[in-house]
Amino acid sequence: MLNKVSSLARALSVLVAVVAGFMPGLGFDAALVIVVLSLVSGISMPTERMTGSGVAALALPVVGGALGHLPAVGEQLNAVAGNLALGVASALGSAIAIYLFNMVKDDLMGLGK
């Protein structure tokens, strides 16, 4: 159940990131929606995906900056890449927090042995 909720939150986060990049005046704070959805999606992120997500969070703003030089759509593509980077970073943040919690929990449980 949690994986389904996380997957749906991830899909909605990407959808909001793309739509907000091309239509900035949506009438709500798209960045806040992206962060909240991405925090939920990061709950079930496996540790194998954490490295790739970190690379994506660092690379997306660079790619967006490069795409920003394209005529007509560059500004929108830069905004999409920035929104996606925000989402990936938020998901990675919650995944790292859960990873650290579990690591400390295991360390503390090992003290009792």
N, C-alpha and C. Protein backbone atom coordinates (compact mmCIF):
# COMPACT_ATOMS: atom_id res chain seq x y z
N MET A 1 0.82 -1.20 0.00
CA MET A 1 0.00 0.00 0.00
C MET A 1 0.87 1.26 0.00
N LEU A 2 1.92 1.25 0.85
CA LEU A 2 2.80 2.41 0.92
C LEU A 2 3.53 2.64 -0.39
N ASN A 3 3.92 1.55 -1.05
CA ASN A 3 4.60 1.69 -2.34
C ASN A 3 3.68 2.30 -3.39
N LYS A 4 2.39 1.95 -3.35
CA LYS A 4 1.44 2.52 -4.30
C LYS A 4 1.24 4.00 -4.05
N VAL A 5 1.12 4.38 -2.80
CA VAL A 5 0.96 5.80 -2.45
C VAL A 5 2.20 6.59 -2.86
N SER A 6 3.37 6.02 -2.58
CA SER A 6 4.62 6.69 -2.95
C SER A 6 4.76 6.82 -4.46
N SER A 7 4.39 5.79 -5.17
CA SER A 7 4.46 5.84 -6.64
C SER A 7 3.51 6.87 -7.20
N LEU A 8 2.31 6.94 -6.66
CA LEU A 8 1.34 7.94 -7.11
C LEU A 8 1.83 9.34 -6.78
N ALA A 9 2.40 9.53 -5.60
CA ALA A 9 2.92 10.84 -5.22
C ALA A 9 4.07 11.25 -6.14
N ARG A 10 4.93 10.30 -6.51
CA ARG A 10 6.04 10.57 -7.42
C ARG A 10 5.52 10.99 -8.79
N ALA A 11 4.54 10.27 -9.30
CA ALA A 11 3.97 10.59 -10.61
C ALA A 11 3.31 11.97 -10.59
N LEU A 12 2.57 12.27 -9.54
CA LEU A 12 1.92 13.58 -9.43
C LEU A 12 2.96 14.69 -9.30
N SER A 13 4.04 14.42 -8.59
CA SER A 13 5.09 15.42 -8.42
C SER A 13 5.73 15.75 -9.77
N VAL A 14 6.02 14.74 -10.56
CA VAL A 14 6.60 14.97 -11.89
C VAL A 14 5.60 15.72 -12.78
N LEU A 15 4.34 15.34 -12.71
CA LEU A 15 3.31 16.01 -13.50
C LEU A 15 3.20 17.48 -13.13
N VAL A 16 3.16 17.77 -11.84
CA VAL A 16 3.07 19.17 -11.39
C VAL A 16 4.33 19.94 -11.79
N ALA A 17 5.50 19.29 -11.72
CA ALA A 17 6.75 19.95 -12.09
C ALA A 17 6.75 20.35 -13.56
N VAL A 18 6.27 19.48 -14.42
CA VAL A 18 6.25 19.77 -15.85
C VAL A 18 5.19 20.83 -16.17
N VAL A 19 4.00 20.66 -15.62
CA VAL A 19 2.93 21.62 -15.90
C VAL A 19 3.29 23.00 -15.36
N ALA A 20 3.86 23.07 -14.17
CA ALA A 20 4.23 24.36 -13.58
C ALA A 20 5.37 25.02 -14.36
N GLY A 21 6.20 24.22 -15.01
CA GLY A 21 7.28 24.79 -15.81
C GLY A 21 6.75 25.51 -17.05
N PHE A 22 5.69 24.99 -17.62
CA PHE A 22 5.13 25.59 -18.83
C PHE A 22 4.00 26.57 -18.54
N MET A 23 3.37 26.43 -17.37
CA MET A 23 2.28 27.33 -16.98
C MET A 23 2.54 27.84 -15.56
N PRO A 24 3.39 28.86 -15.42
CA PRO A 24 3.80 29.28 -14.07
C PRO A 24 2.68 29.89 -13.22
N GLY A 25 1.65 30.43 -13.80
CA GLY A 25 0.58 31.06 -13.02
C GLY A 25 -0.58 30.13 -12.77
N LEU A 26 -0.36 29.08 -12.01
CA LEU A 26 -1.40 28.08 -11.78
C LEU A 26 -2.38 28.45 -10.67
N GLY A 27 -2.06 29.44 -9.88
CA GLY A 27 -2.95 29.83 -8.81
C GLY A 27 -2.68 29.14 -7.49
N PHE A 28 -1.64 28.33 -7.42
CA PHE A 28 -1.23 27.71 -6.17
C PHE A 28 0.29 27.62 -6.16
N ASP A 29 0.84 27.38 -4.99
CA ASP A 29 2.29 27.31 -4.86
C ASP A 29 2.77 25.94 -5.33
N ALA A 30 3.18 25.88 -6.59
CA ALA A 30 3.58 24.61 -7.19
C ALA A 30 4.80 24.02 -6.48
N ALA A 31 5.73 24.86 -6.07
CA ALA A 31 6.94 24.36 -5.40
C ALA A 31 6.57 23.64 -4.10
N LEU A 32 5.64 24.17 -3.35
CA LEU A 32 5.21 23.53 -2.11
C LEU A 32 4.55 22.19 -2.39
N VAL A 33 3.73 22.14 -3.42
CA VAL A 33 3.06 20.88 -3.79
C VAL A 33 4.10 19.85 -4.21
N ILE A 34 5.10 20.28 -4.99
CA ILE A 34 6.15 19.37 -5.43
C ILE A 34 6.93 18.83 -4.24
N VAL A 35 7.27 19.70 -3.30
CA VAL A 35 8.04 19.27 -2.13
C VAL A 35 7.24 18.27 -1.29
N VAL A 36 5.98 18.56 -1.03
CA VAL A 36 5.18 17.67 -0.19
C VAL A 36 5.00 16.31 -0.86
N LEU A 37 4.66 16.32 -2.15
CA LEU A 37 4.50 15.05 -2.86
C LEU A 37 5.81 14.27 -2.92
N SER A 38 6.91 14.97 -3.11
CA SER A 38 8.20 14.30 -3.20
C SER A 38 8.66 13.76 -1.86
N LEU A 39 8.35 14.45 -0.78
CA LEU A 39 8.67 13.92 0.55
C LEU A 39 7.94 12.60 0.78
N VAL A 40 6.70 12.53 0.34
CA VAL A 40 5.93 11.29 0.46
C VAL A 40 6.53 10.21 -0.44
N SER A 41 6.92 10.59 -1.64
CA SER A 41 7.46 9.58 -2.56
C SER A 41 8.81 9.05 -2.10
N GLY A 42 9.56 9.83 -1.36
CA GLY A 42 10.86 9.39 -0.87
C GLY A 42 10.79 8.39 0.25
N ILE A 43 9.62 8.22 0.85
CA ILE A 43 9.47 7.29 1.97
C ILE A 43 9.82 5.86 1.55
N SER A 44 9.46 5.49 0.35
CA SER A 44 9.72 4.11 -0.08
C SER A 44 10.89 4.01 -1.06
N MET A 45 11.75 5.03 -1.11
CA MET A 45 12.89 4.97 -2.03
C MET A 45 13.90 3.94 -1.52
N PRO A 46 14.23 2.96 -2.37
CA PRO A 46 15.24 1.97 -1.95
C PRO A 46 16.63 2.60 -1.94
N THR A 47 17.50 2.04 -1.12
CA THR A 47 18.84 2.60 -1.00
C THR A 47 19.63 2.52 -2.30
N GLU A 48 19.27 1.59 -3.18
CA GLU A 48 19.96 1.48 -4.46
C GLU A 48 19.71 2.70 -5.35
N ARG A 49 18.61 3.38 -5.15
CA ARG A 49 18.27 4.55 -5.97
C ARG A 49 18.81 5.86 -5.42
N MET A 50 19.35 5.83 -4.23
CA MET A 50 19.76 7.07 -3.59
C MET A 50 20.93 7.74 -4.31
N THR A 51 21.88 6.97 -4.78
CA THR A 51 23.03 7.56 -5.49
C THR A 51 22.59 8.20 -6.79
N GLY A 52 21.79 7.48 -7.55
CA GLY A 52 21.29 8.03 -8.81
C GLY A 52 20.44 9.27 -8.60
N SER A 53 19.66 9.28 -7.55
CA SER A 53 18.84 10.44 -7.25
C SER A 53 19.70 11.64 -6.86
N GLY A 54 20.78 11.38 -6.13
CA GLY A 54 21.70 12.46 -5.77
C GLY A 54 22.36 13.06 -7.00
N VAL A 55 22.76 12.20 -7.92
CA VAL A 55 23.36 12.69 -9.17
C VAL A 55 22.34 13.49 -9.96
N ALA A 56 21.12 13.00 -10.03
CA ALA A 56 20.07 13.72 -10.76
C ALA A 56 19.79 15.08 -10.13
N ALA A 57 19.76 15.13 -8.80
CA ALA A 57 19.50 16.40 -8.12
C ALA A 57 20.60 17.42 -8.41
N LEU A 58 21.84 16.94 -8.58
CA LEU A 58 22.93 17.86 -8.91
C LEU A 58 22.98 18.21 -10.39
N ALA A 59 22.60 17.26 -11.25
CA ALA A 59 22.73 17.48 -12.69
C ALA A 59 21.56 18.25 -13.29
N LEU A 60 20.37 18.11 -12.75
CA LEU A 60 19.20 18.76 -13.34
C LEU A 60 19.32 20.28 -13.45
N PRO A 61 19.80 20.99 -12.44
CA PRO A 61 19.94 22.44 -12.62
C PRO A 61 20.95 22.81 -13.72
N VAL A 62 22.00 22.01 -13.87
CA VAL A 62 22.99 22.26 -14.92
C VAL A 62 22.36 22.03 -16.29
N VAL A 63 21.62 20.94 -16.42
CA VAL A 63 20.95 20.65 -17.68
C VAL A 63 19.91 21.73 -17.99
N GLY A 64 19.18 22.15 -16.96
CA GLY A 64 18.20 23.22 -17.16
C GLY A 64 18.84 24.51 -17.60
N GLY A 65 19.99 24.84 -17.03
CA GLY A 65 20.70 26.04 -17.44
C GLY A 65 21.13 25.97 -18.89
N ALA A 66 21.57 24.79 -19.32
CA ALA A 66 21.97 24.63 -20.72
C ALA A 66 20.76 24.72 -21.64
N LEU A 67 19.65 24.13 -21.23
CA LEU A 67 18.44 24.19 -22.06
C LEU A 67 17.84 25.58 -22.08
N GLY A 68 18.16 26.39 -21.08
CA GLY A 68 17.62 27.74 -21.01
C GLY A 68 18.06 28.63 -22.16
N HIS A 69 19.10 28.23 -22.87
CA HIS A 69 19.58 29.03 -23.99
C HIS A 69 18.82 28.75 -25.29
N LEU A 70 17.95 27.78 -25.28
CA LEU A 70 17.17 27.49 -26.48
C LEU A 70 16.14 28.59 -26.71
N PRO A 71 15.97 29.00 -27.95
CA PRO A 71 14.96 30.02 -28.21
C PRO A 71 13.55 29.45 -28.05
N ALA A 72 12.64 30.26 -27.65
CA ALA A 72 11.21 29.98 -27.54
C ALA A 72 10.83 29.11 -26.34
N VAL A 73 11.51 28.00 -26.09
CA VAL A 73 11.11 27.11 -25.01
C VAL A 73 12.17 26.94 -23.93
N GLY A 74 13.31 27.59 -24.07
CA GLY A 74 14.40 27.41 -23.13
C GLY A 74 14.05 27.79 -21.72
N GLU A 75 13.36 28.89 -21.55
CA GLU A 75 12.99 29.34 -20.20
C GLU A 75 12.06 28.34 -19.52
N GLN A 76 11.12 27.79 -20.27
CA GLN A 76 10.20 26.81 -19.71
C GLN A 76 10.92 25.50 -19.37
N LEU A 77 11.82 25.07 -20.24
CA LEU A 77 12.56 23.84 -19.96
C LEU A 77 13.48 24.01 -18.76
N ASN A 78 14.03 25.18 -18.59
CA ASN A 78 14.85 25.47 -17.41
C ASN A 78 13.98 25.39 -16.15
N ALA A 79 12.77 25.92 -16.22
CA ALA A 79 11.86 25.86 -15.08
C ALA A 79 11.46 24.42 -14.77
N VAL A 80 11.21 23.63 -15.80
CA VAL A 80 10.86 22.22 -15.59
C VAL A 80 12.02 21.49 -14.91
N ALA A 81 13.23 21.70 -15.41
CA ALA A 81 14.40 21.04 -14.81
C ALA A 81 14.58 21.48 -13.36
N GLY A 82 14.36 22.74 -13.07
CA GLY A 82 14.46 23.22 -11.69
C GLY A 82 13.40 22.60 -10.79
N ASN A 83 12.19 22.48 -11.31
CA ASN A 83 11.12 21.85 -10.54
C ASN A 83 11.41 20.38 -10.29
N LEU A 84 11.91 19.69 -11.31
CA LEU A 84 12.26 18.28 -11.14
C LEU A 84 13.40 18.11 -10.14
N ALA A 85 14.37 19.02 -10.18
CA ALA A 85 15.47 18.96 -9.21
C ALA A 85 14.95 19.16 -7.79
N LEU A 86 14.01 20.06 -7.63
CA LEU A 86 13.40 20.28 -6.32
C LEU A 86 12.71 19.02 -5.83
N GLY A 87 12.00 18.34 -6.73
CA GLY A 87 11.31 17.10 -6.36
C GLY A 87 12.27 15.99 -6.00
N VAL A 88 13.31 15.82 -6.81
CA VAL A 88 14.28 14.76 -6.54
C VAL A 88 15.00 15.03 -5.22
N ALA A 89 15.38 16.27 -4.98
CA ALA A 89 16.07 16.62 -3.74
C ALA A 89 15.17 16.39 -2.52
N SER A 90 13.90 16.69 -2.65
CA SER A 90 12.97 16.47 -1.53
C SER A 90 12.79 14.98 -1.25
N ALA A 91 12.62 14.20 -2.30
CA ALA A 91 12.48 12.75 -2.12
C ALA A 91 13.74 12.17 -1.51
N LEU A 92 14.88 12.64 -1.98
CA LEU A 92 16.15 12.16 -1.44
C LEU A 92 16.31 12.55 0.03
N GLY A 93 15.83 13.73 0.37
CA GLY A 93 15.90 14.17 1.77
C GLY A 93 15.13 13.26 2.71
N SER A 94 13.92 12.90 2.33
CA SER A 94 13.16 12.00 3.20
C SER A 94 13.75 10.60 3.21
N ALA A 95 14.28 10.14 2.07
CA ALA A 95 14.91 8.82 2.02
C ALA A 95 16.16 8.78 2.90
N ILE A 96 16.95 9.85 2.88
CA ILE A 96 18.15 9.90 3.71
C ILE A 96 17.77 9.95 5.19
N ALA A 97 16.73 10.69 5.53
CA ALA A 97 16.30 10.76 6.92
C ALA A 97 15.87 9.38 7.43
N ILE A 98 15.14 8.64 6.61
CA ILE A 98 14.71 7.30 7.00
C ILE A 98 15.91 6.36 7.09
N TYR A 99 16.83 6.48 6.16
CA TYR A 99 18.04 5.66 6.17
C TYR A 99 18.85 5.90 7.45
N LEU A 100 19.03 7.17 7.80
CA LEU A 100 19.79 7.50 9.02
C LEU A 100 19.07 7.03 10.27
N PHE A 101 17.75 7.18 10.29
CA PHE A 101 16.97 6.69 11.43
C PHE A 101 17.16 5.20 11.62
N ASN A 102 17.04 4.45 10.53
CA ASN A 102 17.21 2.99 10.62
C ASN A 102 18.63 2.61 11.02
N MET A 103 19.62 3.35 10.54
CA MET A 103 21.00 3.07 10.89
C MET A 103 21.25 3.30 12.38
N VAL A 104 20.75 4.42 12.90
CA VAL A 104 20.93 4.71 14.32
C VAL A 104 20.15 3.71 15.17
N LYS A 105 18.95 3.36 14.72
CA LYS A 105 18.14 2.37 15.45
C LYS A 105 18.88 1.04 15.53
N ASP A 106 19.44 0.60 14.42
CA ASP A 106 20.18 -0.67 14.42
C ASP A 106 21.42 -0.57 15.32
N ASP A 107 22.10 0.57 15.30
CA ASP A 107 23.26 0.74 16.17
C ASP A 107 22.87 0.68 17.64
N LEU A 108 21.78 1.34 17.99
CA LEU A 108 21.34 1.33 19.39
C LEU A 108 20.84 -0.05 19.81
N MET A 109 20.19 -0.77 18.91
CA MET A 109 19.74 -2.12 19.24
C MET A 109 20.94 -3.05 19.42
N GLY A 110 22.03 -2.78 18.72
CA GLY A 110 23.22 -3.60 18.84
C GLY A 110 23.95 -3.40 20.16
N LEU A 111 23.69 -2.29 20.84
CA LEU A 111 24.33 -2.03 22.13
C LEU A 111 23.81 -2.97 23.22
N GLY A 112 22.60 -3.43 23.06
CA GLY A 112 21.98 -4.28 24.08
C GLY A 112 22.44 -5.72 24.00
N LYS A 113 23.17 -6.08 22.99
CA LYS A 113 23.58 -7.48 22.82
C LYS A 113 24.84 -7.79 23.56
